[in-house]
Amino acid sequence: MQSVTRSLISVAALLALAGCSSGPRPITELARANTLIEQAEKTGAARFAAADLEQARGKLSRAETAADDGDQETALRLAKEAAVDAELAQARSAAAEAKDSEEELERSLQTLREEAERKPATGGAGSP
């Protein structure tokens, strides 16, 4: 009877340790990474930061696989990395769009300067 009790206690202890080592599925982190990737896609990251966006997608995919396999620690780490990569893609995309806007504005200003130089000076409000 004592050996059965010891065996049951040993099995229970092993199950408890196994449950503690894997931890809960990182649902929040996986969802956050997925949302950040979607936001990055909407802000043009595929155009301006494709490598960062692809890296985020790959890490999220690996995080989901790790979570499905019960490796919640790896899943959590990869989900957090995917979120950071998605934020980086979004930041690089925003920076590239800002640079494009700046260049477009500079071209418009240059065109206005050229037009102003071509027009002859007028005599003012009282001139015919």
C-alpha atoms as a PDB file:
ATOM      1  CA  MET A   1       0.000   0.000   0.000  1.00  0.00           C
ATOM      2  CA  GLN A   2       2.857   2.373   0.842  1.00  0.00           C
ATOM      3  CA  SER A   3       4.542   1.735  -2.498  1.00  0.00           C
ATOM      4  CA  VAL A   4       1.312   2.557  -4.360  1.00  0.00           C
ATOM      5  CA  THR A   5       0.966   5.764  -2.369  1.00  0.00           C
ATOM      6  CA  ARG A   6       4.589   6.691  -3.053  1.00  0.00           C
ATOM      7  CA  SER A   7       4.115   5.977  -6.747  1.00  0.00           C
ATOM      8  CA  LEU A   8       1.001   8.127  -6.888  1.00  0.00           C
ATOM      9  CA  ILE A   9       2.784  10.942  -5.062  1.00  0.00           C
ATOM     10  CA  SER A  10       5.728  10.661  -7.433  1.00  0.00           C
ATOM     11  CA  VAL A  11       3.468  10.753 -10.486  1.00  0.00           C
ATOM     12  CA  ALA A  12       1.551  13.725  -9.065  1.00  0.00           C
ATOM     13  CA  ALA A  13       4.800  15.561  -8.355  1.00  0.00           C
ATOM     14  CA  LEU A  14       6.079  14.925 -11.879  1.00  0.00           C
ATOM     15  CA  LEU A  15       2.810  16.144 -13.397  1.00  0.00           C
ATOM     16  CA  ALA A  16       2.912  19.254 -11.228  1.00  0.00           C
ATOM     17  CA  LEU A  17       6.490  19.985 -12.270  1.00  0.00           C
ATOM     18  CA  ALA A  18       5.681  19.434 -15.922  1.00  0.00           C
ATOM     19  CA  GLY A  19       2.714  21.772 -15.654  1.00  0.00           C
ATOM     20  CA  CYS A  20       4.785  24.484 -13.964  1.00  0.00           C
ATOM     21  CA  SER A  21       7.637  24.317 -16.416  1.00  0.00           C
ATOM     22  CA  SER A  22       5.498  24.903 -19.465  1.00  0.00           C
ATOM     23  CA  GLY A  23       3.221  27.559 -17.950  1.00  0.00           C
ATOM     24  CA  PRO A  24       0.022  28.832 -19.491  1.00  0.00           C
ATOM     25  CA  ARG A  25      -0.334  29.499 -23.202  1.00  0.00           C
ATOM     26  CA  PRO A  26       0.759  33.115 -23.860  1.00  0.00           C
ATOM     27  CA  ILE A  27      -2.581  34.103 -25.389  1.00  0.00           C
ATOM     28  CA  THR A  28      -2.184  37.822 -24.711  1.00  0.00           C
ATOM     29  CA  GLU A  29       1.292  38.022 -26.217  1.00  0.00           C
ATOM     30  CA  LEU A  30       0.291  36.002 -29.285  1.00  0.00           C
ATOM     31  CA  ALA A  31      -2.735  38.233 -29.844  1.00  0.00           C
ATOM     32  CA  ARG A  32      -0.668  41.390 -29.359  1.00  0.00           C
ATOM     33  CA  ALA A  33       1.945  40.245 -31.856  1.00  0.00           C
ATOM     34  CA  ASN A  34      -0.770  39.369 -34.365  1.00  0.00           C
ATOM     35  CA  THR A  35      -2.436  42.771 -33.929  1.00  0.00           C
ATOM     36  CA  LEU A  36       0.854  44.631 -34.318  1.00  0.00           C
ATOM     37  CA  ILE A  37       1.645  42.697 -37.490  1.00  0.00           C
ATOM     38  CA  GLU A  38      -1.774  43.586 -38.912  1.00  0.00           C
ATOM     39  CA  GLN A  39      -1.234  47.257 -38.023  1.00  0.00           C
ATOM     40  CA  ALA A  40       2.191  47.227 -39.644  1.00  0.00           C
ATOM     41  CA  GLU A  41       0.687  45.742 -42.803  1.00  0.00           C
ATOM     42  CA  LYS A  42      -1.926  48.505 -42.898  1.00  0.00           C
ATOM     43  CA  THR A  43       0.712  51.216 -42.588  1.00  0.00           C
ATOM     44  CA  GLY A  44       2.664  50.044 -45.608  1.00  0.00           C
ATOM     45  CA  ALA A  45       5.318  47.967 -43.898  1.00  0.00           C
ATOM     46  CA  ALA A  46       5.178  45.425 -46.721  1.00  0.00           C
ATOM     47  CA  ARG A  47       6.432  48.171 -49.016  1.00  0.00           C
ATOM     48  CA  PHE A  48       8.908  49.946 -46.758  1.00  0.00           C
ATOM     49  CA  ALA A  49      10.017  47.314 -44.210  1.00  0.00           C
ATOM     50  CA  ALA A  50       9.307  43.961 -45.822  1.00  0.00           C
ATOM     51  CA  ALA A  51      12.180  42.123 -44.128  1.00  0.00           C
ATOM     52  CA  ASP A  52      11.150  43.244 -40.646  1.00  0.00           C
ATOM     53  CA  LEU A  53       7.533  42.367 -41.324  1.00  0.00           C
ATOM     54  CA  GLU A  54       8.459  38.946 -42.646  1.00  0.00           C
ATOM     55  CA  GLN A  55      10.647  38.328 -39.617  1.00  0.00           C
ATOM     56  CA  ALA A  56       7.724  39.229 -37.337  1.00  0.00           C
ATOM     57  CA  ARG A  57       5.410  36.866 -39.214  1.00  0.00           C
ATOM     58  CA  GLY A  58       7.936  34.040 -39.010  1.00  0.00           C
ATOM     59  CA  LYS A  59       8.455  34.481 -35.291  1.00  0.00           C
ATOM     60  CA  LEU A  60       4.716  34.596 -34.670  1.00  0.00           C
ATOM     61  CA  SER A  61       4.275  31.397 -36.653  1.00  0.00           C
ATOM     62  CA  ARG A  62       7.045  29.705 -34.677  1.00  0.00           C
ATOM     63  CA  ALA A  63       5.523  31.014 -31.425  1.00  0.00           C
ATOM     64  CA  GLU A  64       2.157  29.482 -32.297  1.00  0.00           C
ATOM     65  CA  THR A  65       3.828  26.181 -33.155  1.00  0.00           C
ATOM     66  CA  ALA A  66       5.766  26.207 -29.879  1.00  0.00           C
ATOM     67  CA  ALA A  67       2.573  26.938 -27.950  1.00  0.00           C
ATOM     68  CA  ASP A  68       0.779  24.097 -29.720  1.00  0.00           C
ATOM     69  CA  ASP A  69       3.685  21.805 -28.854  1.00  0.00           C
ATOM     70  CA  GLY A  70       3.457  22.800 -25.180  1.00  0.00           C
ATOM     71  CA  ASP A  71       6.653  24.869 -25.096  1.00  0.00           C
ATOM     72  CA  GLN A  72       5.039  27.968 -23.633  1.00  0.00           C
ATOM     73  CA  GLU A  73       8.324  29.576 -22.591  1.00  0.00           C
ATOM     74  CA  THR A  74       9.590  29.571 -26.176  1.00  0.00           C
ATOM     75  CA  ALA A  75       6.171  30.655 -27.408  1.00  0.00           C
ATOM     76  CA  LEU A  76       6.196  33.619 -25.044  1.00  0.00           C
ATOM     77  CA  ARG A  77       9.708  34.686 -26.068  1.00  0.00           C
ATOM     78  CA  LEU A  78       8.953  34.398 -29.780  1.00  0.00           C
ATOM     79  CA  ALA A  79       5.624  36.209 -29.448  1.00  0.00           C
ATOM     80  CA  LYS A  80       7.362  39.112 -27.704  1.00  0.00           C
ATOM     81  CA  GLU A  81      10.069  39.179 -30.372  1.00  0.00           C
ATOM     82  CA  ALA A  82       7.430  39.128 -33.113  1.00  0.00           C
ATOM     83  CA  ALA A  83       5.696  42.095 -31.496  1.00  0.00           C
ATOM     84  CA  VAL A  84       8.957  44.061 -31.354  1.00  0.00           C
ATOM     85  CA  ASP A  85       9.736  43.201 -34.986  1.00  0.00           C
ATOM     86  CA  ALA A  86       6.255  44.352 -36.029  1.00  0.00           C
ATOM     87  CA  GLU A  87       6.708  47.621 -34.151  1.00  0.00           C
ATOM     88  CA  LEU A  88      10.068  48.095 -35.836  1.00  0.00           C
ATOM     89  CA  ALA A  89       8.498  47.444 -39.247  1.00  0.00           C
ATOM     90  CA  GLN A  90       5.784  49.971 -38.490  1.00  0.00           C
ATOM     91  CA  ALA A  91       8.328  52.575 -37.344  1.00  0.00           C
ATOM     92  CA  ARG A  92      10.509  52.060 -40.409  1.00  0.00           C
ATOM     93  CA  SER A  93       7.445  52.293 -42.615  1.00  0.00           C
ATOM     94  CA  ALA A  94       6.372  55.556 -40.970  1.00  0.00           C
ATOM     95  CA  ALA A  95       9.880  56.961 -41.337  1.00  0.00           C
ATOM     96  CA  ALA A  96      10.022  56.011 -45.015  1.00  0.00           C
ATOM     97  CA  GLU A  97       6.609  57.537 -45.667  1.00  0.00           C
ATOM     98  CA  ALA A  98       7.688  60.735 -43.904  1.00  0.00           C
ATOM     99  CA  LYS A  99      10.823  60.852 -46.040  1.00  0.00           C
ATOM    100  CA  ASP A 100       8.742  60.367 -49.194  1.00  0.00           C
ATOM    101  CA  SER A 101       6.436  63.195 -48.094  1.00  0.00           C
ATOM    102  CA  GLU A 102       9.417  65.426 -47.396  1.00  0.00           C
ATOM    103  CA  GLU A 103      10.879  64.720 -50.836  1.00  0.00           C
ATOM    104  CA  GLU A 104       7.522  65.410 -52.517  1.00  0.00           C
ATOM    105  CA  LEU A 105       7.192  68.695 -50.626  1.00  0.00           C
ATOM    106  CA  GLU A 106      10.727  69.660 -51.603  1.00  0.00           C
ATOM    107  CA  ARG A 107       9.945  68.950 -55.285  1.00  0.00           C
ATOM    108  CA  SER A 108       6.793  71.075 -55.051  1.00  0.00           C
ATOM    109  CA  LEU A 109       8.716  73.948 -53.480  1.00  0.00           C
ATOM    110  CA  GLN A 110      11.367  73.727 -56.178  1.00  0.00           C
ATOM    111  CA  THR A 111       8.685  73.876 -58.872  1.00  0.00           C
ATOM    112  CA  LEU A 112       7.148  76.946 -57.223  1.00  0.00           C
ATOM    113  CA  ARG A 113      10.564  78.637 -57.033  1.00  0.00           C
ATOM    114  CA  GLU A 114      11.179  77.951 -60.719  1.00  0.00           C
ATOM    115  CA  GLU A 115       7.765  79.338 -61.678  1.00  0.00           C
ATOM    116  CA  ALA A 116       8.314  82.437 -59.552  1.00  0.00           C
ATOM    117  CA  GLU A 117      11.638  83.090 -61.292  1.00  0.00           C
ATOM    118  CA  ARG A 118      10.079  82.781 -64.778  1.00  0.00           C
ATOM    119  CA  LYS A 119       7.227  85.241 -64.195  1.00  0.00           C
ATOM    120  CA  PRO A 120       8.101  88.903 -64.812  1.00  0.00           C
ATOM    121  CA  ALA A 121       7.764  91.240 -61.844  1.00  0.00           C
ATOM    122  CA  THR A 122       4.480  93.120 -61.853  1.00  0.00           C
ATOM    123  CA  GLY A 123       4.130  96.759 -60.909  1.00  0.00           C
ATOM    124  CA  GLY A 124       1.943  96.139 -57.895  1.00  0.00           C
ATOM    125  CA  ALA A 125      -1.750  96.786 -57.155  1.00  0.00           C
ATOM    126  CA  GLY A 126      -1.998 100.134 -59.006  1.00  0.00           C
ATOM    127  CA  SER A 127      -0.472  98.910 -62.316  1.00  0.00           C
ATOM    128  CA  PRO A 128      -2.718  98.172 -65.395  1.00  0.00           C
END
